[in-house]
């Protein structure tokens, strides 16, 4: 697999050379800002907010433009994962009303 989006972000942060960014670099490497690994509902919003708070407006603009968004390869890997498959099943069940049929008593 090519370089991941979280690695690209961590490298971009490291290139700035500011030791104060070390916590963000660590978070980036751990997937905190990743589209598919983050515990956050909107990791890009958090990333831009954190970058602006760190006075890294140029990097925030790059994030807004999608430079650190997940790649197709990352999306495909997530889709094939247990979490991805469970999410798709849940969405399908919700869309078709299957969850209601499964929990409803037989008539």
C-alpha atoms as a PDB file:
ATOM      1  CA  UNK A   1       0.000   0.000   0.000  1.00  0.00           C
ATOM      2  CA  UNK A   2       1.185   3.514  -0.724  1.00  0.00           C
ATOM      3  CA  UNK A   3       1.818   6.015   2.049  1.00  0.00           C
ATOM      4  CA  UNK A   4      -1.289   6.455   4.176  1.00  0.00           C
ATOM      5  CA  UNK A   5      -3.031   9.771   4.650  1.00  0.00           C
ATOM      6  CA  UNK A   6      -2.144   9.747   8.352  1.00  0.00           C
ATOM      7  CA  UNK A   7       1.546   9.326   7.464  1.00  0.00           C
ATOM      8  CA  UNK A   8       1.332  12.174   4.941  1.00  0.00           C
ATOM      9  CA  UNK A   9      -0.179  14.412   7.609  1.00  0.00           C
ATOM     10  CA  UNK A  10       2.411  13.445  10.221  1.00  0.00           C
ATOM     11  CA  UNK A  11       5.222  14.146   7.745  1.00  0.00           C
ATOM     12  CA  UNK A  12       3.742  17.521   6.799  1.00  0.00           C
ATOM     13  CA  UNK A  13       3.568  18.447  10.488  1.00  0.00           C
ATOM     14  CA  UNK A  14       7.145  17.256  11.075  1.00  0.00           C
ATOM     15  CA  UNK A  15       8.410  19.336   8.133  1.00  0.00           C
ATOM     16  CA  UNK A  16       7.333  22.488   9.972  1.00  0.00           C
ATOM     17  CA  UNK A  17       9.960  21.710  12.598  1.00  0.00           C
ATOM     18  CA  UNK A  18       8.032  23.081  15.572  1.00  0.00           C
ATOM     19  CA  UNK A  19       8.413  20.954  18.742  1.00  0.00           C
ATOM     20  CA  UNK A  20       5.064  22.320  19.966  1.00  0.00           C
ATOM     21  CA  UNK A  21       3.401  20.272  17.214  1.00  0.00           C
ATOM     22  CA  UNK A  22       4.695  16.973  18.619  1.00  0.00           C
ATOM     23  CA  UNK A  23       1.343  16.056  20.252  1.00  0.00           C
ATOM     24  CA  UNK A  24      -0.437  16.607  16.916  1.00  0.00           C
ATOM     25  CA  UNK A  25       2.206  14.579  15.096  1.00  0.00           C
ATOM     26  CA  UNK A  26       1.625  11.697  17.513  1.00  0.00           C
ATOM     27  CA  UNK A  27      -2.138  11.987  17.121  1.00  0.00           C
ATOM     28  CA  UNK A  28      -1.751  11.977  13.332  1.00  0.00           C
ATOM     29  CA  UNK A  29       0.384   8.819  13.432  1.00  0.00           C
ATOM     30  CA  UNK A  30      -2.191   7.124  15.686  1.00  0.00           C
ATOM     31  CA  UNK A  31      -5.013   7.907  13.249  1.00  0.00           C
ATOM     32  CA  UNK A  32      -6.781  10.529  15.370  1.00  0.00           C
ATOM     33  CA  UNK A  33      -7.383  12.694  12.285  1.00  0.00           C
ATOM     34  CA  UNK A  34      -7.894   9.755   9.900  1.00  0.00           C
ATOM     35  CA  UNK A  35     -11.181   9.371   8.038  1.00  0.00           C
ATOM     36  CA  UNK A  36     -11.412   5.674   8.946  1.00  0.00           C
ATOM     37  CA  UNK A  37      -9.432   5.317  12.171  1.00  0.00           C
ATOM     38  CA  UNK A  38     -10.502   8.360  14.150  1.00  0.00           C
ATOM     39  CA  UNK A  39     -12.878   8.142  17.101  1.00  0.00           C
ATOM     40  CA  UNK A  40     -14.193  11.541  15.995  1.00  0.00           C
ATOM     41  CA  UNK A  41     -17.292  11.910  13.793  1.00  0.00           C
ATOM     42  CA  UNK A  42     -15.624  14.649  11.702  1.00  0.00           C
ATOM     43  CA  UNK A  43     -11.844  14.318  12.001  1.00  0.00           C
ATOM     44  CA  UNK A  44     -11.089  16.851   9.264  1.00  0.00           C
ATOM     45  CA  UNK A  45     -12.997  19.532  11.179  1.00  0.00           C
ATOM     46  CA  UNK A  46     -10.960  18.750  14.293  1.00  0.00           C
ATOM     47  CA  UNK A  47      -7.749  18.785  12.265  1.00  0.00           C
ATOM     48  CA  UNK A  48      -8.459  22.200  10.762  1.00  0.00           C
ATOM     49  CA  UNK A  49      -9.478  23.560  14.167  1.00  0.00           C
ATOM     50  CA  UNK A  50      -6.336  22.194  15.829  1.00  0.00           C
ATOM     51  CA  UNK A  51      -4.128  23.535  13.041  1.00  0.00           C
ATOM     52  CA  UNK A  52      -5.671  26.989  13.292  1.00  0.00           C
ATOM     53  CA  UNK A  53      -5.222  26.947  17.077  1.00  0.00           C
ATOM     54  CA  UNK A  54      -1.554  26.029  16.462  1.00  0.00           C
ATOM     55  CA  UNK A  55      -1.271  28.974  14.041  1.00  0.00           C
ATOM     56  CA  UNK A  56      -0.717  26.658  11.063  1.00  0.00           C
ATOM     57  CA  UNK A  57      -3.115  28.298   8.623  1.00  0.00           C
ATOM     58  CA  UNK A  58      -1.340  27.073   5.484  1.00  0.00           C
ATOM     59  CA  UNK A  59      -1.524  23.478   6.622  1.00  0.00           C
ATOM     60  CA  UNK A  60      -5.165  24.012   7.615  1.00  0.00           C
ATOM     61  CA  UNK A  61      -5.892  25.189   4.065  1.00  0.00           C
ATOM     62  CA  UNK A  62      -4.195  22.091   2.668  1.00  0.00           C
ATOM     63  CA  UNK A  63      -6.403  19.959   4.928  1.00  0.00           C
ATOM     64  CA  UNK A  64      -9.512  21.836   3.759  1.00  0.00           C
ATOM     65  CA  UNK A  65      -8.524  21.100   0.170  1.00  0.00           C
ATOM     66  CA  UNK A  66      -8.452  17.374   0.944  1.00  0.00           C
ATOM     67  CA  UNK A  67      -4.720  16.789   0.857  1.00  0.00           C
ATOM     68  CA  UNK A  68      -4.892  14.570   3.944  1.00  0.00           C
ATOM     69  CA  UNK A  69      -8.167  12.809   3.142  1.00  0.00           C
ATOM     70  CA  UNK A  70      -8.130   9.026   3.021  1.00  0.00           C
ATOM     71  CA  UNK A  71      -7.074   7.420  -0.239  1.00  0.00           C
ATOM     72  CA  UNK A  72      -9.149   4.990  -2.271  1.00  0.00           C
ATOM     73  CA  UNK A  73      -6.889   2.208  -0.999  1.00  0.00           C
ATOM     74  CA  UNK A  74      -7.656   3.208   2.599  1.00  0.00           C
ATOM     75  CA  UNK A  75     -11.374   3.328   1.821  1.00  0.00           C
ATOM     76  CA  UNK A  76     -11.262  -0.110   0.197  1.00  0.00           C
ATOM     77  CA  UNK A  77      -9.336  -1.566   3.149  1.00  0.00           C
ATOM     78  CA  UNK A  78     -11.900  -0.170   5.598  1.00  0.00           C
ATOM     79  CA  UNK A  79     -14.801  -1.417   3.462  1.00  0.00           C
ATOM     80  CA  UNK A  80     -13.330  -4.925   3.561  1.00  0.00           C
ATOM     81  CA  UNK A  81     -12.682  -4.796   7.325  1.00  0.00           C
ATOM     82  CA  UNK A  82     -15.004  -6.208   9.987  1.00  0.00           C
ATOM     83  CA  UNK A  83     -16.027  -2.685  10.985  1.00  0.00           C
ATOM     84  CA  UNK A  84     -16.745  -1.718   7.396  1.00  0.00           C
ATOM     85  CA  UNK A  85     -18.766  -4.848   6.713  1.00  0.00           C
ATOM     86  CA  UNK A  86     -20.758  -4.399   9.926  1.00  0.00           C
ATOM     87  CA  UNK A  87     -21.470  -0.793   8.975  1.00  0.00           C
ATOM     88  CA  UNK A  88     -22.694  -1.819   5.530  1.00  0.00           C
ATOM     89  CA  UNK A  89     -24.947  -4.514   7.034  1.00  0.00           C
ATOM     90  CA  UNK A  90     -26.392  -1.989   9.470  1.00  0.00           C
ATOM     91  CA  UNK A  91     -27.020   0.534   6.704  1.00  0.00           C
ATOM     92  CA  UNK A  92     -28.675  -2.109   4.530  1.00  0.00           C
ATOM     93  CA  UNK A  93     -30.818  -3.302   7.419  1.00  0.00           C
ATOM     94  CA  UNK A  94     -31.871   0.268   8.155  1.00  0.00           C
ATOM     95  CA  UNK A  95     -32.604   1.029   4.500  1.00  0.00           C
ATOM     96  CA  UNK A  96     -34.693  -2.096   4.008  1.00  0.00           C
ATOM     97  CA  UNK A  97     -36.319  -2.115   7.430  1.00  0.00           C
ATOM     98  CA  UNK A  98     -34.747  -5.502   8.174  1.00  0.00           C
ATOM     99  CA  UNK A  99     -33.882  -4.551  11.742  1.00  0.00           C
ATOM    100  CA  UNK A 100     -37.575  -4.087  12.469  1.00  0.00           C
ATOM    101  CA  UNK A 101     -38.509  -7.446  10.985  1.00  0.00           C
ATOM    102  CA  UNK A 102     -35.808  -9.176  13.025  1.00  0.00           C
ATOM    103  CA  UNK A 103     -36.998  -7.786  16.348  1.00  0.00           C
ATOM    104  CA  UNK A 104     -40.744  -7.908  15.671  1.00  0.00           C
ATOM    105  CA  UNK A 105     -42.689 -10.853  17.017  1.00  0.00           C
ATOM    106  CA  UNK A 106     -43.906 -13.297  14.389  1.00  0.00           C
ATOM    107  CA  UNK A 107     -47.470 -12.789  13.342  1.00  0.00           C
END
